[in-house]
Protein backbone atom coordinates (compact mmCIF):
# COMPACT_ATOMS: atom_id res chain seq x y z
CA MET A 1 98.69 124.42 101.99
CA ASN A 2 95.32 123.12 102.85
CA PRO A 3 92.23 124.34 100.95
CA LYS A 4 91.20 126.83 103.67
CA GLU A 5 94.62 128.54 103.66
CA LEU A 6 94.67 128.63 99.89
CA ASP A 7 91.19 130.15 99.79
CA PHE A 8 92.24 132.79 102.35
CA ALA A 9 95.33 133.66 100.28
CA TYR A 10 93.19 134.11 97.14
CA LYS A 11 90.79 136.38 99.03
CA VAL A 12 93.65 138.52 100.39
CA ARG A 13 95.20 138.81 96.94
CA HIS A 14 91.85 139.77 95.45
CA ALA A 15 91.25 142.42 98.13
CA LEU A 16 94.74 143.88 97.65
CA ASN A 17 94.33 143.98 93.88
CA GLU A 18 90.99 145.80 94.18
CA ASN A 19 92.28 148.43 96.60
CA LEU A 20 95.79 148.81 95.14
CA ASP A 21 95.15 152.39 94.04
CA TYR A 22 93.91 153.40 97.52
CA LEU A 23 96.83 151.98 99.55
CA PRO A 24 99.16 154.48 101.20
CA SER A 25 102.65 154.61 99.67
CA SER A 26 104.30 153.34 102.88
CA THR A 27 102.14 150.18 102.79
CA ALA A 28 102.89 149.65 99.10
CA GLU A 29 106.64 149.99 99.83
CA ARG A 30 106.40 147.48 102.71
CA LEU A 31 104.53 145.04 100.45
CA ALA A 32 107.15 145.48 97.70
CA SER A 33 110.02 144.86 100.15
CA ALA A 34 108.22 141.78 101.54
CA ARG A 35 107.80 140.49 98.00
CA ASN A 36 111.48 141.05 97.21
CA LEU A 37 112.47 139.28 100.44
CA ALA A 38 110.22 136.31 99.60
CA LEU A 39 111.69 136.12 96.09
CA SER A 40 115.23 136.21 97.47
CA ARG A 41 114.46 133.27 99.77
CA LYS A 42 113.00 131.23 96.94
CA LYS A 43 115.06 128.22 95.93
CA LYS A 44 117.00 128.63 92.77
CA ASP A 45 115.78 126.72 89.76
CA SER A 46 118.02 123.80 88.95
CA PRO A 47 118.05 121.93 85.67
CA LEU A 48 116.27 118.61 85.79
CA ARG A 49 118.37 115.52 85.35
CA ALA A 50 117.03 112.41 83.78
CA TYR A 51 118.66 109.13 82.90
CA VAL A 52 118.12 108.39 79.25
CA PRO A 53 119.37 104.92 78.29
CA GLN A 54 120.76 104.48 74.83
CA TYR A 55 119.37 101.32 73.34
CA LYS A 56 121.27 99.42 70.69
CA LEU A 57 119.74 97.44 67.91
CA ALA A 58 120.42 93.73 67.89
CA GLY A 59 121.84 93.82 64.39
CA GLN A 60 124.28 96.71 64.78
CA VAL A 61 127.50 96.03 62.97
CA GLY A 62 130.53 95.85 65.21
CA SER A 63 128.66 95.44 68.46
CA PHE A 64 128.53 91.64 68.44
CA PHE A 65 131.81 91.18 70.32
CA SER A 66 132.03 94.66 71.85
CA GLU A 67 130.45 93.56 75.12
CA PRO A 68 131.94 90.61 77.02
CA LEU A 69 128.71 88.64 77.38
CA SER A 70 126.90 89.64 74.19
CA TRP A 71 127.73 86.40 72.35
CA LEU A 72 126.82 84.42 75.46
CA SER A 73 123.44 86.13 75.66
CA ARG A 74 122.78 85.39 72.00
CA VAL A 75 123.64 81.72 72.49
CA SER A 76 121.48 81.58 75.61
CA LEU A 77 118.55 82.73 73.49
CA ALA A 78 119.18 80.14 70.78
CA VAL A 79 119.66 77.12 73.07
CA PRO A 80 116.05 76.99 74.39
CA VAL A 81 114.71 77.29 70.84
CA VAL A 82 116.85 74.35 69.69
CA VAL A 83 115.88 72.28 72.75
CA LEU A 84 112.21 73.03 72.13
CA ALA A 85 112.48 72.00 68.47
CA LEU A 86 114.26 68.76 69.38
CA GLY A 87 111.70 68.02 72.10
CA LEU A 88 108.76 68.55 69.75
CA THR A 89 110.41 66.38 67.10
CA GLY A 90 110.99 63.63 69.67
CA ILE A 91 107.37 63.76 70.86
CA TYR A 92 106.14 63.60 67.25
CA GLN A 93 108.33 60.57 66.48
CA PHE A 94 107.24 58.80 69.68
CA GLU A 95 103.53 59.36 68.94
CA LYS A 96 104.03 58.22 65.35
CA GLN A 97 105.71 55.00 66.53
CA GLN A 98 102.89 54.35 69.03
CA ARG A 99 100.33 54.78 66.26
CA ILE A 100 102.20 52.39 63.96
CA THR A 101 102.38 49.82 66.77
CA GLU A 102 98.63 50.06 67.47
CA ILE A 103 97.75 49.69 63.76
CA ALA A 104 100.09 46.68 63.48
CA GLU A 105 98.38 45.02 66.47
CA ILE A 106 94.94 45.56 64.90
CA ASP A 107 96.16 44.17 61.58
CA ALA A 108 97.62 41.12 63.31
CA LEU A 109 94.36 40.46 65.17
CA VAL A 110 92.31 40.86 61.98
CA LEU A 111 94.56 38.52 60.02
CA ALA A 112 94.63 35.92 62.81
CA ASP A 113 90.83 35.98 63.21
CA GLU A 114 88.62 33.28 61.69
CA LEU A 115 86.27 35.81 60.02
CA PRO A 116 86.82 36.59 56.36
CA LEU A 117 88.04 40.09 55.56
CA SER A 118 84.79 40.94 53.77
CA ALA A 119 82.92 40.66 57.10
CA TYR A 120 84.73 43.71 58.41
CA ALA A 121 83.48 45.78 55.45
CA ASP A 122 79.81 44.86 56.16
CA HIS A 123 77.79 47.69 57.75
CA GLY A 124 75.73 45.30 59.79
CA PHE A 125 78.86 43.78 61.27
CA ASN A 126 80.09 47.28 62.24
CA ALA A 127 76.77 47.90 63.99
CA TYR A 128 77.11 44.56 65.80
CA LEU A 129 80.64 45.43 66.94
CA ALA A 130 79.44 48.87 68.10
CA LYS A 131 76.65 47.30 70.22
CA ARG A 132 78.92 44.62 71.56
CA GLY A 133 81.62 47.18 72.49
CA GLU A 134 79.21 49.20 74.67
């Protein structure tokens, strides 16, 4: 119903309720039979149906092998974690080896240089290297 129809229905109901005592009995009987007819045509109430899934906890005893793919799904969750851990360990070892190689190259250049080792500890020499490196 649109708002105009709904407003009209409220006004009719209000007018009928106000003048209910003054209606002739034949009109009241016709209104009662019309109401009974409308109620008989009303759709019957049906119970609502809803799907309610039953969730299972991951640690339920006895359900590990009850489903055909449950062990496969558990393994498929563990495999990416193991691959990630191995990948991070490999990256760490590679970066560590690169760092060791760079430090060894610096040590070899320092030891092969003609300057004494005490020159590298001098603050003035560090300032000179900083200016020269720019």
